[in-house]
C-alpha cells in the first residue's frame, strides 16, 4: 500500500525561520536535517532525492513531512523523547546519597567509598539495588569535593 504524499508549501514566515535555523548552527545535526527536509520539500524535491541528498532514510523524510502537515513547524522540528530505563535515583534518593557522602564515614573507614554508599542506601531501603556507576554519576552532578 503506497504511503500518502504530504506536500509541503512553506509560508514566508516558516521559510525564513527554517533558513535561520539551518544557518544558525546551534542545533543538533538531526534537528538541522529536519529543517533541511522541509526546505527541500518546499523546493519540490521528491522524498527519494531528499533522502539521498541528506543521507537519511525515506521514513525520516516521510515522518517530518507528515509532522509538519499535521502538527506544524514546531512539532516537525522537535524530537520526541526516547525510551530508556527510568532514573534509579529520584530527588529524595539523591538527597539521601549526598547527605551520606557529606557525613562521617562508618567506623574503621577513612572515607566513604562508592561500595559503602551503595550498601548503605540498600540498608536504609532507599533503593533495592544500585550500581556503582549510578552512585558516581549522582555524586558528580552535585559537584561534591570532599578531598
Foldseek 3Di string as FASTA:
>chain_A
DDDDDQQAADDPVLLVVLVCVLVVPPDDPVLNLLSVLRVVSNVVDDLVVSCVVSVHDSVLSRVLSVCCVPPNDVRSSDDDDDDDDPQQDDPVRLVVLVVQQPDQDDPPDRHDDLVNSQVVCCVVVVGVGDDSVSSVVSVVVVVDDPD
